[in-house]
Amino acid sequence: MRMTDALVWITGASSGIGAALARSVPFADAHVFDISRSGGTPGTEHLAADLADPAAWAAVEAHLHAQLGAFEGSTAVFVHNAGTLTPVGFAGEVDSAAYRTQVLVNAASPPVLGHAFLAALNSSGFRGRAHLVMLSSGAGKKPYEGWSAYCAGKAALDLWVRTAGAEQATRGGPCRVLAVGPGVVSTGMQELIRQTDARDFPNVERFVELHEHDELTDPDEAARGIWGLLDRELENGAVVDLRSL
């Protein structure tokens, strides 16, 4: 591994906010890994992984242990951005296989990969600055009909962050754990939402209006806000919304 002062992992860095985060990594000497199926983000090394496949989670953890075990730099950051909104529709009415995949990506992969990063930090003896950032959503705080698995996944993510952050504080661990809701960001996910039939997602008109009134956040603006959290004095385990900061 080449000498570098910062290691950065971003899940789902091939598009949307993930790609914006990769473009704007705030460290002068950083080795950035894109954990995704497709890859291709300039300036990143692609770690191919389908986060709907539990076998991929073990491979990612092995990679984290190998990288951090040989790392002599000062900063390690893991940003979990990957998630899926599909299938959109009421529970019991959508395809069951697709629904299982959605639950694995949204509800299971965040805590598993978060645990993997913390375990790799512990085994490596790393004592520099470490940050674990999970992308959250207002959907984890109230129900949206048609998004049952997405809402449940974000709610689980928030509580995992609060718990793991408290555990890091109790142990005096090296990692600060945060969840951040970036707001309604202009990404491909928003395009998908606007194309959804109201029968499957009764709140679709609200998101159409946000787009028509130019009220969506630019991905690069959201990325800058997320990176800016690393320098703020926030409680370990904080769950924050960029729009309120």
Foldseek 3Di string as FASTA:
>chain_A
DDAFQEEEEEEPLPFFLNVLLQVCPPDPTYAYEYEEQPDDRPRYHYDHALQLDPVRLVVVLVVLLVVLLPHDHAEYEYEYDDADQPPFFAPPPDDPVRLSSRLSGQAPSLLSNVVSNQVSCVVNVHQHAYEYEYEAACLCVDPWQRRVSNNVSRVNNLVSQLVVQVVCVVVVHRYFYEYEHLFAAPTPVLVVLLPDDCNRTVCSVVSVVCVVVVVHHYSNVSSVLVSVVSPDDDRRSYYYYSVVD
